[in-house]
Amino acid sequence: MHEPEGELDELLLVRRSKLRELREKGIEPYGGRYERTHSALEIHTGFTDLEGKEVSIAGRLMAKRGHGKAAFGDLQDFSGRIQIHLRQDEVGPDTYQFFKKLDIGDILGVRGTVFRTKTGEITVGVKALTLLAKSLRPLPEKWHGLKDVELRLRQRYLDLIVNPEVKETFVLRSKVVRALRRFLDDRGFLEVETPMMQPVAGGAAARPFTTYHNALDLMLYLRIAPELYLKRLLVGGFEKVYEINRNFRNEGISTKHNPEFTMLEIYQAYADYTDMMVLTEELVSTAAQEVLGTLEVGYGDTVINLRPPWPRLSFLETVRQRTGIDFSQLDAREAREAAHRMEVEVEQNALWGEAVNAIFEEAVEPALVQPTFVLDYPVDISPLAKRKADDPRLTYRFELFIAGREIANAFSELNDPLDQRERFLKQLDKQQAGDEEAHMFDEDFVTALEYGMPPAGGLGIGVDRLVMLLANVSSIREVILFPLHRPRE
């Protein structure tokens, strides 16, 4: 990365000059371990017991104010900020002058006594000061902060320093993941890990990333989903398993998509998609209650009510209500023609279910604001879900929508190996016709099914999207610490 130009260059030179001065004076500007007794928050909340007592704190210097032979500063640690106060006659002229030469952004250790100023601010009166890390670059200008979205995401460390609400988003994310784990562990599910590098990219319709193993002379794929491995575990005798981990899809970046994202996938033997609906309601509402303390979640200008049960709507019926067309009575050509009339883009040879789904995504999905299950998706877009007994064009599959966005996807899992092989062959035809997102044929998975997989329900929840909802943010990049972005030119 190029050094900044103009004024910033001068500031960098001044700070490096200070660094040299410190070393010439025998002061190490990058210290080691520092024993802390309290955080900023603990001093604020425990002031009654701590007043007049000595504490040791450490953090980043975020502000300095001088008044003759006394000076104030604000020290920021992970828990928040605390004011510090230095008196020259208390710390001595050398320490006092040393403090005055410090820069905003320097990391300090402070030992001192807790008191309250005349204006009522809880403060640490400094007795000793230690420089733990010299900052060589100035933080973003105080009053404007770090507002440039691209810069914030490229330099998330700066974003976290100067925008406290960003830190709170990621604290919330951690709490959400912890709540999901606790819920599943308490109900007898076993957390497992499955391969990130796979010889066949399966379990979802997506374009994979490729990599190469030199020793084995083998092309591998970063996984697009863990589904087929988790279902192998059902074949092997595990009955309730889950995984929270990364998936990788070589697709565009948007407010809803990042090429690297986190999924929770759950599989339960002897269950079906109706069990998964109940599980989803309980899991999401429990996490929200645990993390936010409420089931009424503010999202943008809307209040989302997460109290179960949630409406269950038919896929075809929702499309009929929004378009006035009963697609169950149309064939693939007629469905494509209807899509074209509505100016919905579909492939020239799109299957019936693909055409109807394209219309659903355009006409129905944005209107699903409150939590809603949409049931019984076409088999054409659900190659891993069990067919409906009363309509083989559809499957026992649902998706959960909240705030116009898909949050979860679930099936009664297909466990018929002959049907699975046939569907994989159809996907193979799509691949050979140039569809890079078609499901790959996984021969070993079909072999596993031939040994017998119990009937099961499977569920996937987009962790990032769930956090977006609970944190009230509109872009997935705001809930991923280091989202992918173009390199600087």
Protein backbone atom coordinates (compact mmCIF):
# COMPACT_ATOMS: atom_id res chain seq x y z
CA MET A 1 0.00 0.00 0.00
CA HIS A 2 1.36 3.43 -0.92
CA GLU A 3 2.15 5.92 1.83
CA PRO A 4 -0.36 8.78 2.06
CA GLU A 5 0.60 12.03 0.43
CA GLY A 6 0.68 15.66 1.48
CA GLU A 7 -0.24 16.52 5.04
CA LEU A 8 -0.44 12.90 6.18
CA ASP A 9 3.20 12.42 5.17
CA GLU A 10 4.21 15.18 7.55
CA LEU A 11 2.22 13.63 10.38
CA LEU A 12 3.87 10.28 9.74
CA LEU A 13 7.31 11.89 9.80
CA VAL A 14 6.54 13.68 13.07
CA ARG A 15 5.41 10.45 14.72
CA ARG A 16 8.43 8.51 13.49
CA SER A 17 10.63 11.29 14.81
CA LYS A 18 8.96 10.87 18.22
CA LEU A 19 9.60 7.14 17.99
CA ARG A 20 13.32 7.75 17.45
CA GLU A 21 13.41 10.19 20.38
CA LEU A 22 11.84 7.62 22.69
CA ARG A 23 14.42 5.00 21.75
CA GLU A 24 17.27 7.47 22.10
CA LYS A 25 16.04 8.12 25.65
CA GLY A 26 16.00 4.40 26.38
CA ILE A 27 12.20 4.14 26.40
CA GLU A 28 10.84 1.02 24.68
CA PRO A 29 7.84 2.17 22.58
CA TYR A 30 6.45 -1.34 22.12
CA GLY A 31 6.11 -2.86 25.55
CA GLY A 32 5.24 -6.31 26.80
CA ARG A 33 2.79 -7.83 29.22
CA TYR A 34 0.85 -5.36 31.38
CA GLU A 35 -1.08 -6.38 34.46
CA ARG A 36 -4.59 -4.89 34.47
CA THR A 37 -6.93 -5.00 37.43
CA HIS A 38 -10.05 -3.48 35.85
CA SER A 39 -11.70 -2.53 32.57
CA ALA A 40 -13.17 0.90 31.88
CA LEU A 41 -16.69 -0.49 32.26
CA GLU A 42 -15.87 -2.19 35.57
CA ILE A 43 -14.65 1.14 36.98
CA HIS A 44 -17.83 2.90 35.87
CA THR A 45 -20.19 0.23 37.18
CA GLY A 46 -18.22 -0.47 40.36
CA PHE A 47 -17.39 3.13 41.27
CA THR A 48 -19.04 2.98 44.69
CA ASP A 49 -16.64 0.24 45.82
CA LEU A 50 -13.63 1.51 43.86
CA GLU A 51 -13.66 5.21 44.81
CA GLY A 52 -10.32 6.11 46.39
CA LYS A 53 -8.76 2.76 45.48
CA GLU A 54 -5.88 2.08 43.12
CA VAL A 55 -6.53 0.40 39.77
CA SER A 56 -4.48 -0.61 36.75
CA ILE A 57 -6.00 -0.10 33.28
CA ALA A 58 -4.79 -0.19 29.68
CA GLY A 59 -6.15 1.06 26.37
CA ARG A 60 -5.85 3.43 23.46
CA LEU A 61 -5.53 7.19 24.04
CA MET A 62 -8.49 8.72 22.21
CA ALA A 63 -8.39 12.32 23.43
CA LYS A 64 -6.09 14.74 25.31
CA ARG A 65 -6.87 18.03 27.03
CA GLY A 66 -4.26 20.15 28.82
CA HIS A 67 -4.77 22.74 31.56
CA GLY A 68 -1.44 24.20 32.68
CA LYS A 69 0.07 21.72 35.08
CA ALA A 70 -2.86 19.32 34.81
CA ALA A 71 -4.10 17.30 31.84
CA PHE A 72 -6.96 14.98 31.01
CA GLY A 73 -7.18 12.12 28.54
CA ASP A 74 -9.68 9.48 27.41
CA LEU A 75 -8.51 5.88 27.42
CA GLN A 76 -10.50 3.33 25.41
CA ASP A 77 -10.43 -0.43 25.95
CA PHE A 78 -12.79 -3.13 24.67
CA SER A 79 -15.42 -2.28 27.29
CA GLY A 80 -15.57 1.49 26.67
CA ARG A 81 -13.85 4.71 27.70
CA ILE A 82 -12.58 6.07 30.98
CA GLN A 83 -11.17 9.54 31.71
CA ILE A 84 -7.65 9.81 33.11
CA HIS A 85 -6.19 12.84 34.91
CA LEU A 86 -2.54 13.80 35.38
CA ARG A 87 -1.16 16.40 37.78
CA GLN A 88 2.45 17.43 37.31
CA ASP A 89 3.03 17.61 41.07
CA GLU A 90 1.68 14.05 41.41
CA VAL A 91 3.50 12.26 38.56
CA GLY A 92 6.56 14.54 38.28
CA PRO A 93 7.59 16.84 35.42
CA ASP A 94 9.20 14.06 33.34
CA THR A 95 6.09 11.86 33.23
CA TYR A 96 3.87 14.89 32.72
CA GLN A 97 5.89 16.12 29.72
CA PHE A 98 6.03 12.56 28.41
CA PHE A 99 2.22 12.42 28.47
CA LYS A 100 1.93 15.77 26.69
CA LYS A 101 4.07 14.44 23.83
CA LEU A 102 1.93 11.33 23.38
CA ASP A 103 -0.28 11.08 20.29
CA ILE A 104 -3.92 10.16 19.89
CA GLY A 105 -3.90 6.43 19.11
CA ASP A 106 -1.01 5.50 21.40
CA ILE A 107 -1.71 2.49 23.63
CA LEU A 108 -0.99 3.06 27.33
CA GLY A 109 -0.96 1.32 30.67
CA VAL A 110 -2.10 3.49 33.56
CA ARG A 111 -1.95 2.96 37.33
CA GLY A 112 -3.88 5.37 39.49
CA THR A 113 -6.67 6.16 41.94
CA VAL A 114 -10.38 6.24 41.12
CA PHE A 115 -12.23 9.49 41.88
CA ARG A 116 -15.04 11.69 40.56
CA THR A 117 -14.30 15.18 39.20
CA LYS A 118 -16.19 18.33 40.18
CA THR A 119 -18.26 17.91 37.01
CA GLY A 120 -19.20 14.38 38.11
CA GLU A 121 -17.08 12.36 35.67
CA ILE A 122 -15.58 9.13 36.95
CA THR A 123 -11.83 9.38 36.45
CA VAL A 124 -8.54 7.64 37.19
CA GLY A 125 -5.96 9.95 38.76
CA VAL A 126 -2.68 8.82 37.21
CA LYS A 127 0.25 7.79 39.39
CA ALA A 128 2.26 5.89 36.78
CA LEU A 129 2.16 5.74 32.99
CA THR A 130 3.57 3.11 30.59
CA LEU A 131 3.70 3.34 26.80
CA LEU A 132 2.71 -0.06 25.41
CA ALA A 133 2.50 0.69 21.67
CA LYS A 134 3.37 3.86 19.73
CA SER A 135 0.86 4.70 16.99
CA LEU A 136 2.62 5.85 13.80
CA ARG A 137 -0.54 6.78 11.89
CA PRO A 138 -3.21 9.27 12.96
CA LEU A 139 -6.74 8.00 13.49
CA PRO A 140 -9.54 9.37 11.26
CA GLU A 141 -10.42 12.99 12.08
CA LYS A 142 -12.37 13.10 15.34
CA TRP A 143 -15.55 14.88 14.29
CA HIS A 144 -16.05 13.20 10.94
CA GLY A 145 -15.03 9.71 12.05
CA LEU A 146 -14.70 6.91 9.54
CA LYS A 147 -17.73 7.21 7.23
CA ASP A 148 -16.38 5.99 3.89
CA VAL A 149 -17.95 2.52 3.61
CA GLU A 150 -15.24 1.06 1.37
CA LEU A 151 -12.46 2.35 3.64
CA ARG A 152 -14.29 1.05 6.72
CA LEU A 153 -14.46 -2.45 5.26
CA ARG A 154 -10.89 -2.41 3.97
CA GLN A 155 -9.54 -1.19 7.30
CA ARG A 156 -11.95 -2.82 9.71
CA TYR A 157 -9.49 -2.29 12.55
CA LEU A 158 -9.97 1.48 12.18
CA ASP A 159 -13.72 1.01 11.93
CA LEU A 160 -13.69 -0.86 15.24
CA ILE A 161 -11.57 1.80 16.94
CA VAL A 162 -13.61 4.85 15.97
CA ASN A 163 -17.14 3.46 15.51
CA PRO A 164 -18.20 1.73 18.75
CA GLU A 165 -21.52 0.54 17.29
CA VAL A 166 -19.58 -1.66 14.83
CA LYS A 167 -17.93 -3.50 17.70
CA GLU A 168 -21.38 -4.04 19.23
CA THR A 169 -22.57 -5.70 16.00
CA PHE A 170 -19.83 -8.30 16.26
CA VAL A 171 -20.38 -8.83 19.96
CA LEU A 172 -24.03 -9.50 19.06
CA ARG A 173 -22.94 -11.90 16.30
CA SER A 174 -20.90 -13.91 18.77
CA LYS A 175 -23.87 -14.07 21.15
CA VAL A 176 -26.16 -15.27 18.33
CA VAL A 177 -23.82 -18.11 17.38
CA ARG A 178 -23.45 -19.07 21.05
CA ALA A 179 -27.26 -19.11 21.44
CA LEU A 180 -27.69 -21.32 18.36
CA ARG A 181 -25.12 -23.80 19.67
CA ARG A 182 -26.63 -23.88 23.15
CA PHE A 183 -30.13 -24.49 21.77
CA LEU A 184 -29.01 -27.43 19.62
CA ASP A 185 -26.68 -28.94 22.21
CA ASP A 186 -29.48 -28.85 24.79
CA ARG A 187 -31.70 -30.83 22.42
CA GLY A 188 -29.23 -33.62 21.83
CA PHE A 189 -27.72 -32.49 18.53
CA LEU A 190 -24.02 -33.24 18.02
CA GLU A 191 -21.76 -30.60 16.48
CA VAL A 192 -19.51 -32.04 13.75
CA GLU A 193 -17.04 -30.81 11.14
CA THR A 194 -17.00 -31.88 7.51
CA PRO A 195 -14.48 -31.20 4.73
CA MET A 196 -13.89 -27.70 3.39
CA MET A 197 -12.02 -29.11 0.37
CA GLN A 198 -14.09 -31.62 -1.56
CA PRO A 199 -13.48 -33.67 -4.72
CA VAL A 200 -17.11 -32.97 -5.75
CA ALA A 201 -18.80 -29.65 -4.96
CA GLY A 202 -22.28 -30.70 -3.93
CA GLY A 203 -25.22 -29.82 -1.74
CA ALA A 204 -26.31 -26.61 -3.47
CA ALA A 205 -26.67 -24.94 -6.85
CA ALA A 206 -23.66 -22.61 -7.03
CA ARG A 207 -20.45 -22.01 -8.91
CA PRO A 208 -17.56 -23.31 -6.80
CA PHE A 209 -14.04 -22.05 -6.19
CA THR A 210 -11.36 -24.50 -7.34
CA THR A 211 -8.04 -25.36 -5.75
CA TYR A 212 -5.34 -27.95 -6.41
CA HIS A 213 -3.61 -30.54 -4.24
CA ASN A 214 -0.06 -31.01 -5.54
CA ALA A 215 0.83 -34.28 -3.77
CA LEU A 216 -2.33 -36.05 -4.94
CA ASP A 217 -2.37 -34.31 -8.34
CA LEU A 218 -6.03 -33.62 -7.63
CA MET A 219 -8.41 -30.78 -8.46
CA LEU A 220 -10.52 -29.91 -5.42
CA TYR A 221 -13.37 -27.51 -4.68
CA LEU A 222 -13.96 -25.26 -1.71
CA ARG A 223 -17.26 -26.47 -0.41
CA ILE A 224 -20.48 -24.75 -1.43
CA ALA A 225 -22.41 -26.67 1.25
CA PRO A 226 -21.77 -29.43 3.81
CA GLU A 227 -25.08 -31.18 3.07
CA LEU A 228 -23.92 -34.35 1.35
CA TYR A 229 -21.31 -35.10 4.03
CA LEU A 230 -23.75 -34.49 6.87
CA LYS A 231 -26.23 -36.88 5.23
CA ARG A 232 -23.46 -39.48 4.95
CA LEU A 233 -23.32 -39.28 8.75
CA LEU A 234 -27.03 -40.16 8.89
CA VAL A 235 -26.21 -43.24 6.80
CA GLY A 236 -23.45 -44.04 9.31
CA GLY A 237 -25.84 -43.96 12.25
CA PHE A 238 -25.68 -40.43 13.61
CA GLU A 239 -29.24 -39.22 14.15
CA LYS A 240 -29.02 -35.50 15.13
CA VAL A 241 -26.06 -33.51 13.80
CA TYR A 242 -25.25 -29.89 13.00
CA GLU A 243 -22.38 -27.79 11.69
CA ILE A 244 -21.71 -24.06 11.88
CA ASN A 245 -19.04 -23.23 9.36
CA ARG A 246 -18.03 -21.45 6.17
CA ASN A 247 -19.32 -22.05 2.67
CA PHE A 248 -17.69 -20.62 -0.45
CA ARG A 249 -19.55 -19.67 -3.62
CA ASN A 250 -17.88 -18.06 -6.61
CA GLU A 251 -20.64 -15.55 -7.22
CA GLY A 252 -21.25 -11.81 -7.22
CA ILE A 253 -21.04 -9.55 -4.19
CA SER A 254 -24.17 -7.71 -3.04
CA THR A 255 -25.91 -6.61 0.14
CA LYS A 256 -27.14 -10.22 0.46
CA HIS A 257 -24.13 -12.16 -0.83
CA ASN A 258 -20.48 -12.52 0.09
CA PRO A 259 -18.40 -15.27 -1.58
CA GLU A 260 -17.42 -16.56 1.87
CA PHE A 261 -20.29 -16.87 4.35
CA THR A 262 -21.42 -18.83 7.42
CA MET A 263 -24.15 -21.46 7.44
CA LEU A 264 -25.77 -23.52 10.16
CA GLU A 265 -26.88 -26.89 8.76
CA ILE A 266 -28.92 -29.35 10.84
CA TYR A 267 -30.01 -32.93 10.07
CA GLN A 268 -32.38 -35.08 12.12
CA ALA A 269 -33.16 -38.72 11.33
CA TYR A 270 -36.78 -39.89 11.36
CA ALA A 271 -38.04 -36.30 11.00
CA ASP A 272 -39.44 -34.33 8.06
CA TYR A 273 -39.79 -30.72 6.94
CA THR A 274 -42.72 -30.09 9.31
CA ASP A 275 -40.38 -30.92 12.23
CA MET A 276 -37.82 -28.56 10.72
CA MET A 277 -40.41 -25.75 10.63
CA VAL A 278 -41.06 -26.11 14.35
CA LEU A 279 -37.31 -26.35 15.01
CA THR A 280 -36.68 -23.19 12.97
CA GLU A 281 -39.34 -21.20 14.84
CA GLU A 282 -37.99 -22.28 18.21
CA LEU A 283 -34.34 -21.80 17.26
CA VAL A 284 -34.67 -18.29 15.78
CA SER A 285 -37.10 -16.99 18.42
CA THR A 286 -35.00 -18.40 21.27
CA ALA A 287 -31.83 -16.82 19.88
CA ALA A 288 -33.57 -13.45 19.48
CA GLN A 289 -34.99 -13.56 23.01
CA GLU A 290 -31.65 -14.57 24.48
CA VAL A 291 -29.60 -11.96 22.62
CA LEU A 292 -32.03 -9.02 22.41
CA GLY A 293 -34.43 -9.78 25.25
CA THR A 294 -37.45 -9.38 22.96
CA LEU A 295 -39.26 -11.04 20.06
CA GLU A 296 -40.21 -7.69 18.51
CA VAL A 297 -37.17 -6.71 16.49
CA GLY A 298 -36.75 -3.31 14.89
CA TYR A 299 -35.49 -3.63 11.33
CA GLY A 300 -35.27 -0.40 9.35
CA ASP A 301 -38.67 1.27 9.68
CA THR A 302 -40.43 -2.03 10.45
CA VAL A 303 -41.00 -4.03 13.62
CA ILE A 304 -40.56 -7.74 12.94
CA ASN A 305 -42.59 -9.99 15.25
CA LEU A 306 -40.72 -13.26 15.77
CA ARG A 307 -43.30 -14.82 18.08
CA PRO A 308 -44.25 -18.30 16.77
CA PRO A 309 -46.12 -19.79 15.07
CA TRP A 310 -45.35 -18.21 11.70
CA PRO A 311 -47.61 -18.35 8.62
CA ARG A 312 -47.17 -21.27 6.22
CA LEU A 313 -47.95 -20.45 2.59
CA SER A 314 -47.92 -22.59 -0.53
CA PHE A 315 -45.24 -21.66 -3.08
CA LEU A 316 -47.62 -21.91 -6.05
CA GLU A 317 -50.43 -20.19 -4.20
CA THR A 318 -48.27 -17.16 -3.28
CA VAL A 319 -47.28 -16.80 -6.94
CA ARG A 320 -50.92 -17.11 -8.03
CA GLN A 321 -52.01 -14.44 -5.53
CA ARG A 322 -49.32 -11.99 -6.71
CA THR A 323 -49.62 -12.63 -10.46
CA GLY A 324 -53.18 -13.93 -10.97
CA ILE A 325 -51.74 -16.96 -12.82
CA ASP A 326 -52.16 -20.56 -11.70
CA PHE A 327 -48.83 -22.02 -12.78
CA SER A 328 -49.86 -25.52 -11.72
CA GLN A 329 -51.92 -25.57 -14.94
CA LEU A 330 -49.03 -24.50 -17.22
CA ASP A 331 -46.17 -26.41 -18.80
CA ALA A 332 -42.56 -25.20 -19.04
CA ARG A 333 -43.03 -23.28 -22.30
CA GLU A 334 -46.14 -21.51 -21.00
CA ALA A 335 -44.36 -20.67 -17.72
CA ARG A 336 -41.43 -19.14 -19.64
CA GLU A 337 -43.82 -17.11 -21.79
CA ALA A 338 -45.59 -15.81 -18.67
CA ALA A 339 -42.23 -14.79 -17.21
CA HIS A 340 -41.33 -12.89 -20.39
CA ARG A 341 -44.66 -11.05 -20.32
CA MET A 342 -43.85 -9.96 -16.75
CA GLU A 343 -40.35 -8.93 -17.87
CA VAL A 344 -38.77 -11.53 -15.58
CA GLU A 345 -35.53 -12.85 -17.02
CA VAL A 346 -35.37 -16.65 -17.50
CA GLU A 347 -33.11 -18.91 -19.52
CA GLN A 348 -34.29 -19.86 -23.00
CA ASN A 349 -34.65 -23.53 -22.01
CA ALA A 350 -35.65 -22.96 -18.38
CA LEU A 351 -37.57 -25.80 -16.78
CA TRP A 352 -41.08 -25.21 -15.44
CA GLY A 353 -39.94 -24.88 -11.84
CA GLU A 354 -37.04 -22.58 -12.76
CA ALA A 355 -39.38 -20.19 -14.57
CA VAL A 356 -41.91 -20.13 -11.73
CA ASN A 357 -39.14 -19.61 -9.17
CA ALA A 358 -37.76 -16.64 -11.12
CA ILE A 359 -41.23 -15.05 -10.97
CA PHE A 360 -41.51 -15.89 -7.24
CA GLU A 361 -38.19 -14.16 -6.51
CA GLU A 362 -39.25 -11.06 -8.40
CA ALA A 363 -42.93 -10.76 -7.42
CA VAL A 364 -43.33 -12.49 -4.05
CA GLU A 365 -40.06 -12.53 -2.10
CA PRO A 366 -39.76 -8.75 -1.43
CA ALA A 367 -43.30 -8.70 0.03
CA LEU A 368 -42.55 -11.34 2.69
CA VAL A 369 -41.64 -8.97 5.52
CA GLN A 370 -42.92 -10.76 8.64
CA PRO A 371 -41.59 -14.30 9.23
CA THR A 372 -43.20 -16.57 6.64
CA PHE A 373 -42.64 -20.18 5.61
CA VAL A 374 -43.13 -20.82 1.89
CA LEU A 375 -43.79 -24.53 1.28
CA ASP A 376 -43.54 -27.10 -1.49
CA TYR A 377 -41.02 -25.91 -4.06
CA PRO A 378 -40.71 -27.39 -7.56
CA VAL A 379 -38.55 -30.50 -7.93
CA ASP A 380 -36.75 -28.76 -10.84
CA ILE A 381 -34.96 -26.48 -8.33
CA SER A 382 -34.83 -28.98 -5.43
CA PRO A 383 -32.71 -31.96 -6.53
CA LEU A 384 -32.01 -33.10 -2.95
CA ALA A 385 -35.56 -32.90 -1.54
CA LYS A 386 -38.19 -35.67 -1.37
CA ARG A 387 -41.01 -35.47 -3.92
CA LYS A 388 -44.53 -34.75 -2.72
CA ALA A 389 -46.67 -37.87 -2.79
CA ASP A 390 -49.70 -36.02 -4.20
CA ASP A 391 -47.82 -33.91 -6.79
CA PRO A 392 -44.46 -35.23 -8.07
CA ARG A 393 -43.65 -31.85 -9.68
CA LEU A 394 -43.22 -30.47 -6.14
CA THR A 395 -41.10 -31.39 -3.12
CA TYR A 396 -41.36 -31.32 0.65
CA ARG A 397 -39.25 -28.21 0.92
CA PHE A 398 -39.70 -24.84 2.60
CA GLU A 399 -37.86 -21.56 2.74
CA LEU A 400 -38.19 -19.02 5.54
CA PHE A 401 -38.39 -15.36 4.59
CA ILE A 402 -38.02 -12.39 6.94
CA ALA A 403 -37.74 -8.76 5.83
CA GLY A 404 -37.96 -9.80 2.18
CA ARG A 405 -34.89 -12.03 2.49
CA GLU A 406 -34.40 -15.80 2.58
CA ILE A 407 -33.15 -16.82 6.04
CA ALA A 408 -33.55 -20.61 6.00
CA ASN A 409 -34.04 -23.51 3.60
CA ALA A 410 -35.20 -27.00 4.58
CA PHE A 411 -36.28 -30.34 3.11
CA SER A 412 -37.74 -33.66 3.87
CA GLU A 413 -34.53 -35.21 2.59
CA LEU A 414 -34.50 -37.41 -0.50
CA ASN A 415 -33.34 -40.87 0.59
CA ASP A 416 -34.29 -42.86 -2.53
CA PRO A 417 -30.94 -43.60 -4.25
CA LEU A 418 -32.51 -44.34 -7.64
CA ASP A 419 -34.44 -41.05 -7.68
CA GLN A 420 -31.30 -39.23 -6.50
CA ARG A 421 -29.20 -40.74 -9.27
CA GLU A 422 -31.78 -39.71 -11.86
CA ARG A 423 -31.86 -36.13 -10.59
CA PHE A 424 -28.06 -35.93 -10.56
CA LEU A 425 -28.06 -37.09 -14.19
CA LYS A 426 -30.44 -34.26 -15.08
CA GLN A 427 -28.13 -31.84 -13.32
CA LEU A 428 -25.22 -33.33 -15.27
CA ASP A 429 -27.07 -32.55 -18.51
CA LYS A 430 -27.38 -28.92 -17.34
CA GLN A 431 -23.66 -28.83 -16.54
CA GLN A 432 -22.74 -30.14 -19.95
CA ALA A 433 -24.99 -27.47 -21.47
CA GLY A 434 -22.85 -24.82 -19.75
CA ASP A 435 -24.64 -24.25 -16.43
CA GLU A 436 -21.77 -23.68 -13.97
CA GLU A 437 -24.17 -23.64 -11.00
CA ALA A 438 -25.74 -27.05 -11.63
CA HIS A 439 -25.32 -29.73 -8.95
CA MET A 440 -22.37 -32.05 -9.57
CA PHE A 441 -22.88 -35.79 -9.77
CA ASP A 442 -21.55 -37.26 -6.51
CA GLU A 443 -21.25 -41.01 -7.12
CA ASP A 444 -20.04 -41.75 -3.59
CA PHE A 445 -23.05 -40.00 -2.09
CA VAL A 446 -25.42 -42.11 -4.19
CA THR A 447 -23.48 -45.18 -3.07
CA ALA A 448 -23.99 -44.10 0.55
CA LEU A 449 -27.75 -43.77 -0.06
CA GLU A 450 -27.78 -47.29 -1.50
CA TYR A 451 -26.74 -48.60 1.93
CA GLY A 452 -29.85 -46.89 3.33
CA MET A 453 -30.37 -43.45 4.81
CA PRO A 454 -33.23 -43.06 7.29
CA PRO A 455 -35.97 -40.56 6.46
CA ALA A 456 -34.77 -37.20 7.72
CA GLY A 457 -35.38 -33.51 7.91
CA GLY A 458 -32.60 -31.11 7.01
CA LEU A 459 -32.33 -27.37 7.66
CA GLY A 460 -29.88 -24.64 6.64
CA ILE A 461 -29.88 -21.17 8.22
CA GLY A 462 -27.78 -18.30 6.90
CA VAL A 463 -26.03 -17.10 10.06
CA ASP A 464 -24.91 -13.83 8.48
CA ARG A 465 -28.46 -13.00 7.37
CA LEU A 466 -29.88 -13.86 10.77
CA VAL A 467 -27.33 -11.54 12.38
CA MET A 468 -28.23 -8.81 9.86
CA LEU A 469 -31.83 -9.04 11.05
CA LEU A 470 -31.03 -9.00 14.77
CA ALA A 471 -28.38 -6.26 14.40
CA ASN A 472 -30.67 -4.12 12.18
CA VAL A 473 -28.20 -3.74 9.32
CA SER A 474 -29.02 -3.94 5.62
CA SER A 475 -25.75 -5.29 4.17
CA ILE A 476 -24.11 -8.64 4.78
CA ARG A 477 -20.73 -6.90 4.65
CA GLU A 478 -21.60 -5.12 7.91
CA VAL A 479 -21.80 -8.43 9.80
CA ILE A 480 -18.66 -10.06 8.35
CA LEU A 481 -15.50 -8.78 10.01
CA PHE A 482 -13.36 -8.90 6.86
CA PRO A 483 -15.61 -9.13 3.77
CA LEU A 484 -14.07 -9.67 0.36
CA HIS A 485 -13.38 -6.57 -1.75
CA ARG A 486 -11.34 -5.59 -4.77
CA PRO A 487 -7.66 -4.88 -4.10
CA ARG A 488 -6.59 -1.26 -4.29
CA GLU A 489 -5.19 -0.32 -7.69
